Amino acid sequence: MNLSKLKDNKAFYNEKSILDILDIVAWKRSNKSYNFETLPKTVILSLSRFLLSKKQRIFSKKLKGLFGQNYILNENYVYCSEFGNGAPAIIGLMEELRVFGVENFIFIGLAGLLKDEIEEKVCIVNNAFSTSGSTYLYSDKDSFEPKKEKWFDFFAKELNYKESICWSTDAPFRETKMLFTYFKEKNVTHVDMECASIYAFAEFYNLNALCFVVSADSISNLTWNPPKNKDEINLILKETIEKIIAIKYEAL
């Protein structure tokens, strides 16, 4: 059976993985790698520890055993950063986090613009098309939406950012004219490396996920245009994270 027939079969998606994250976690626990037993239900995933304030980094519990720079901020949130680029890195971490009780994943990352007329600096990803390998192993779908139930609706309403459509790829140096044209015709506004895989992962395990993208560079005219102001982008990332951390949702 070749890979295309394997995907069409769909029984593959119900098979248990040979490499099980539960075995990895048990092995790490036996080696006393972790300095925690459970985690808050919601994790914020972003680029850098320095998007947190110095006070937050000093007074939050720094986690051991997880790859990257990770902190328990309060009873509601874990903050994870510097775990690597792209879908494989973030999905590997998310697999481990769910073992410790995380049910809700909030991602704040950077994206390139396909349409320069988009004025909003921060957008909620409402739909994400995929040309990423990680999504292929969690779902046979070509595009992914978040589970729009109580948790998603609450955060979307509280933050009130405009919705956007992403194209997620794990091969940014293969963003060709043909692909650009195809996804622009699908009303895609941004290209990123993580959102589709995050939504595919959440759908596979019936978890909550919400992705935000901050517009950084652009390929709108079929030429790469670098970020105009890195300091402004970092400030937008920080402000977005601060808004999320300030949200209280005990009633949920």
Protein backbone atom coordinates (compact mmCIF):
# COMPACT_ATOMS: atom_id res chain seq x y z
CA MET A 1 0.00 0.00 0.00
CA ASN A 2 1.46 3.38 -1.01
CA LEU A 3 1.11 6.54 1.10
CA SER A 4 -1.76 8.03 -0.89
CA LYS A 5 -3.83 4.86 -0.45
CA LEU A 6 -2.88 4.78 3.23
CA LYS A 7 -4.28 8.28 3.65
CA ASP A 8 -7.44 7.40 1.71
CA ASN A 9 -7.93 4.37 3.95
CA LYS A 10 -8.23 6.65 7.03
CA ALA A 11 -7.86 3.67 9.38
CA PHE A 12 -4.30 4.94 9.84
CA TYR A 13 -5.62 7.90 11.87
CA ASN A 14 -7.12 5.57 14.47
CA GLU A 15 -3.91 3.61 15.03
CA LYS A 16 -1.90 4.06 18.20
CA SER A 17 1.55 5.54 17.71
CA ILE A 18 4.54 3.27 18.34
CA LEU A 19 6.35 6.19 19.98
CA ASP A 20 3.88 7.19 22.71
CA ILE A 21 4.23 10.51 24.52
CA LEU A 22 3.05 8.80 27.72
CA ASP A 23 6.13 6.56 27.58
CA ILE A 24 8.40 9.58 27.03
CA VAL A 25 6.87 11.40 30.00
CA ALA A 26 7.10 8.31 32.22
CA TRP A 27 10.78 7.91 31.29
CA LYS A 28 11.50 11.58 32.03
CA ARG A 29 9.65 11.31 35.34
CA SER A 30 11.73 8.29 36.30
CA ASN A 31 14.81 10.42 35.69
CA LYS A 32 13.32 13.25 37.79
CA SER A 33 13.45 15.64 34.84
CA TYR A 34 10.36 17.61 35.82
CA ASN A 35 9.91 20.00 38.74
CA PHE A 36 6.09 19.90 38.51
CA GLU A 37 3.29 17.31 38.57
CA THR A 38 0.43 19.09 36.81
CA LEU A 39 -0.06 22.34 34.92
CA PRO A 40 -2.81 24.93 34.51
CA LYS A 41 -5.30 24.09 31.78
CA THR A 42 -4.27 26.88 29.42
CA VAL A 43 -0.90 27.46 27.77
CA ILE A 44 0.26 30.54 25.89
CA LEU A 45 2.80 29.65 23.21
CA SER A 46 4.98 32.37 21.74
CA LEU A 47 8.45 33.21 20.50
CA SER A 48 10.53 34.51 23.37
CA ARG A 49 10.69 34.64 27.18
CA PHE A 50 11.50 38.33 26.80
CA LEU A 51 7.93 38.99 25.66
CA LEU A 52 7.12 38.57 29.35
CA SER A 53 8.01 41.36 31.74
CA LYS A 54 11.13 40.99 33.87
CA LYS A 55 8.90 40.80 36.94
CA GLN A 56 6.93 37.89 35.45
CA ARG A 57 10.10 35.99 34.61
CA ILE A 58 11.54 36.50 38.09
CA PHE A 59 8.44 35.70 40.15
CA SER A 60 6.91 32.93 38.02
CA LYS A 61 7.87 29.30 38.53
CA LYS A 62 10.32 28.28 35.81
CA LEU A 63 9.62 24.78 34.56
CA LYS A 64 12.24 22.07 34.13
CA GLY A 65 11.93 19.07 31.86
CA LEU A 66 10.19 20.79 28.95
CA PHE A 67 12.22 22.03 26.00
CA GLY A 68 12.44 25.81 25.83
CA GLN A 69 11.84 28.59 28.34
CA ASN A 70 8.62 27.85 30.22
CA TYR A 71 6.87 29.42 33.22
CA ILE A 72 3.75 28.92 35.33
CA LEU A 73 2.39 32.47 35.42
CA ASN A 74 -0.61 31.86 37.69
CA GLU A 75 -3.38 29.33 38.30
CA ASN A 76 -4.75 29.96 34.81
CA TYR A 77 -1.75 30.12 32.50
CA VAL A 78 1.50 28.46 31.51
CA TYR A 79 3.79 30.43 29.18
CA CYS A 80 6.01 28.48 26.76
CA SER A 81 8.65 29.94 24.46
CA GLU A 82 11.94 29.29 22.64
CA PHE A 83 10.97 25.70 21.81
CA GLY A 84 12.02 25.94 18.16
CA ASN A 85 10.51 27.07 14.87
CA GLY A 86 7.66 25.57 12.91
CA ALA A 87 5.02 22.93 13.38
CA PRO A 88 7.17 19.91 14.37
CA ALA A 89 8.71 21.80 17.30
CA ILE A 90 5.46 23.24 18.63
CA ILE A 91 3.44 20.04 18.15
CA GLY A 92 6.06 17.99 19.99
CA LEU A 93 5.78 20.35 22.95
CA MET A 94 1.98 20.38 22.81
CA GLU A 95 1.92 16.57 22.94
CA GLU A 96 3.89 16.70 26.17
CA LEU A 97 1.83 19.53 27.66
CA ARG A 98 -1.47 17.71 27.19
CA VAL A 99 -0.18 14.83 29.34
CA PHE A 100 0.08 17.32 32.23
CA GLY A 101 -3.51 18.48 31.94
CA VAL A 102 -3.32 21.30 29.39
CA GLU A 103 -6.60 21.50 27.47
CA ASN A 104 -6.41 24.95 25.87
CA PHE A 105 -3.66 26.22 23.55
CA ILE A 106 -3.20 29.89 22.65
CA PHE A 107 -0.53 30.66 20.05
CA ILE A 108 0.81 34.14 19.25
CA GLY A 109 3.24 34.16 16.34
CA LEU A 110 4.50 36.06 13.34
CA ALA A 111 3.15 35.80 9.81
CA GLY A 112 3.87 37.18 6.38
CA LEU A 113 1.28 39.19 4.49
CA LEU A 114 -0.13 38.05 1.18
CA LYS A 115 -2.25 41.18 1.00
CA ASP A 116 -0.63 44.47 2.00
CA GLU A 117 -4.02 46.15 2.31
CA ILE A 118 -4.57 44.33 5.60
CA GLU A 119 -4.23 47.12 8.16
CA GLU A 120 -4.75 45.14 11.36
CA LYS A 121 -1.48 44.29 13.11
CA VAL A 122 -2.98 41.33 15.03
CA CYS A 123 -5.52 38.86 13.68
CA ILE A 124 -7.31 35.77 14.95
CA VAL A 125 -6.79 32.86 12.58
CA ASN A 126 -10.28 31.68 11.67
CA ASN A 127 -9.13 29.13 9.09
CA ALA A 128 -5.75 27.71 8.13
CA PHE A 129 -4.80 25.89 4.94
CA SER A 130 -1.92 23.46 5.22
CA THR A 131 1.13 22.44 3.25
CA SER A 132 2.76 21.15 6.45
CA GLY A 133 3.84 17.59 7.12
CA SER A 134 2.67 17.56 10.73
CA THR A 135 -0.96 18.15 9.78
CA TYR A 136 -0.86 15.21 7.36
CA LEU A 137 -0.24 12.80 10.25
CA TYR A 138 -3.07 14.22 12.39
CA SER A 139 -5.72 14.71 9.70
CA ASP A 140 -6.47 14.14 6.03
CA LYS A 141 -8.08 17.58 5.70
CA ASP A 142 -6.57 20.45 3.70
CA SER A 143 -7.72 23.26 5.97
CA PHE A 144 -8.58 23.65 9.63
CA GLU A 145 -10.78 25.82 11.81
CA PRO A 146 -10.69 26.09 15.60
CA LYS A 147 -13.43 24.44 17.65
CA LYS A 148 -15.84 27.35 18.01
CA GLU A 149 -17.48 26.59 21.29
CA LYS A 150 -17.69 28.35 24.66
CA TRP A 151 -13.96 28.68 25.31
CA PHE A 152 -13.14 30.04 21.83
CA ASP A 153 -16.13 32.39 21.77
CA PHE A 154 -15.16 33.82 25.16
CA PHE A 155 -11.59 34.69 24.14
CA ALA A 156 -12.55 35.91 20.67
CA LYS A 157 -15.09 38.29 22.20
CA GLU A 158 -12.75 39.51 24.95
CA LEU A 159 -9.89 40.24 22.56
CA ASN A 160 -11.99 41.41 19.61
CA TYR A 161 -9.36 41.11 16.87
CA LYS A 162 -10.28 40.83 13.20
CA GLU A 163 -10.35 37.29 11.80
CA SER A 164 -7.98 36.17 9.06
CA ILE A 165 -7.21 33.12 6.93
CA CYS A 166 -3.72 31.61 6.98
CA TRP A 167 -1.66 29.33 4.81
CA SER A 168 0.67 27.29 7.01
CA THR A 169 3.83 25.78 5.54
CA ASP A 170 6.89 24.07 6.99
CA ALA A 171 8.93 24.92 3.89
CA PRO A 172 9.04 28.74 3.72
CA PHE A 173 11.72 28.67 1.04
CA ARG A 174 9.27 26.88 -1.27
CA GLU A 175 6.64 29.60 -1.27
CA THR A 176 6.31 29.70 -5.05
CA LYS A 177 4.25 31.87 -7.37
CA MET A 178 1.86 29.00 -8.10
CA LEU A 179 1.20 28.39 -4.41
CA PHE A 180 0.90 32.12 -3.73
CA THR A 181 -1.71 32.50 -6.49
CA TYR A 182 -3.66 29.44 -5.35
CA PHE A 183 -3.94 30.53 -1.73
CA LYS A 184 -4.62 34.17 -2.56
CA GLU A 185 -7.61 32.97 -4.60
CA LYS A 186 -8.78 31.23 -1.38
CA ASN A 187 -8.81 34.66 0.32
CA VAL A 188 -5.74 33.82 2.40
CA THR A 189 -4.26 36.92 4.01
CA HIS A 190 -1.21 35.53 5.89
CA VAL A 191 1.39 32.81 5.60
CA ASP A 192 2.84 31.21 8.73
CA MET A 193 4.43 27.96 9.92
CA GLU A 194 2.27 26.73 12.79
CA CYS A 195 -1.46 27.53 12.79
CA ALA A 196 -2.84 24.70 10.65
CA SER A 197 -0.90 22.08 12.60
CA ILE A 198 -2.04 23.55 15.93
CA TYR A 199 -5.67 23.36 14.83
CA ALA A 200 -5.20 19.85 13.41
CA PHE A 201 -3.64 18.70 16.68
CA ALA A 202 -6.45 20.24 18.74
CA GLU A 203 -9.09 18.65 16.53
CA PHE A 204 -7.41 15.24 16.75
CA TYR A 205 -7.48 15.29 20.57
CA ASN A 206 -10.71 17.33 20.91
CA LEU A 207 -8.91 20.18 22.66
CA ASN A 208 -9.28 23.96 22.37
CA ALA A 209 -6.92 26.11 20.32
CA LEU A 210 -6.77 29.74 19.30
CA CYS A 211 -4.09 31.21 17.04
CA PHE A 212 -3.14 34.87 16.69
CA VAL A 213 -0.75 36.17 14.06
CA VAL A 214 1.11 39.46 14.05
CA SER A 215 1.90 40.79 10.58
CA ALA A 216 5.65 41.03 10.12
CA ASP A 217 7.11 40.67 6.62
CA SER A 218 5.31 40.49 3.26
CA ILE A 219 5.34 38.57 -0.02
CA SER A 220 2.33 40.40 -1.46
CA ASN A 221 4.07 41.54 -4.65
CA LEU A 222 5.91 38.21 -5.17
CA THR A 223 8.99 39.75 -3.58
CA TRP A 224 10.03 39.33 0.04
CA ASN A 225 9.74 42.58 1.95
CA PRO A 226 11.31 42.39 5.44
CA PRO A 227 9.68 43.75 8.59
CA LYS A 228 9.68 47.53 8.67
CA ASN A 229 9.97 47.96 12.44
CA LYS A 230 11.08 45.06 14.66
CA ASP A 231 10.62 47.07 17.86
CA GLU A 232 7.00 47.79 16.95
CA ILE A 233 6.38 44.10 16.22
CA ASN A 234 7.84 43.06 19.58
CA LEU A 235 5.69 45.65 21.34
CA ILE A 236 2.56 44.31 19.61
CA LEU A 237 3.46 40.76 20.63
CA LYS A 238 3.99 41.87 24.25
CA GLU A 239 0.74 43.80 24.36
CA THR A 240 -1.21 40.87 22.93
CA ILE A 241 0.25 38.49 25.51
CA GLU A 242 -0.48 40.94 28.32
CA LYS A 243 -4.11 41.24 27.20
CA ILE A 244 -4.50 37.45 27.26
CA ILE A 245 -2.87 37.04 30.66
CA ALA A 246 -5.19 39.72 32.09
CA ILE A 247 -8.30 37.75 31.08
CA LYS A 248 -10.05 35.92 33.89
CA TYR A 249 -12.27 33.01 32.97
CA GLU A 250 -12.81 31.01 36.13
CA ALA A 251 -16.48 30.60 35.22
CA LEU A 252 -15.50 28.46 32.26
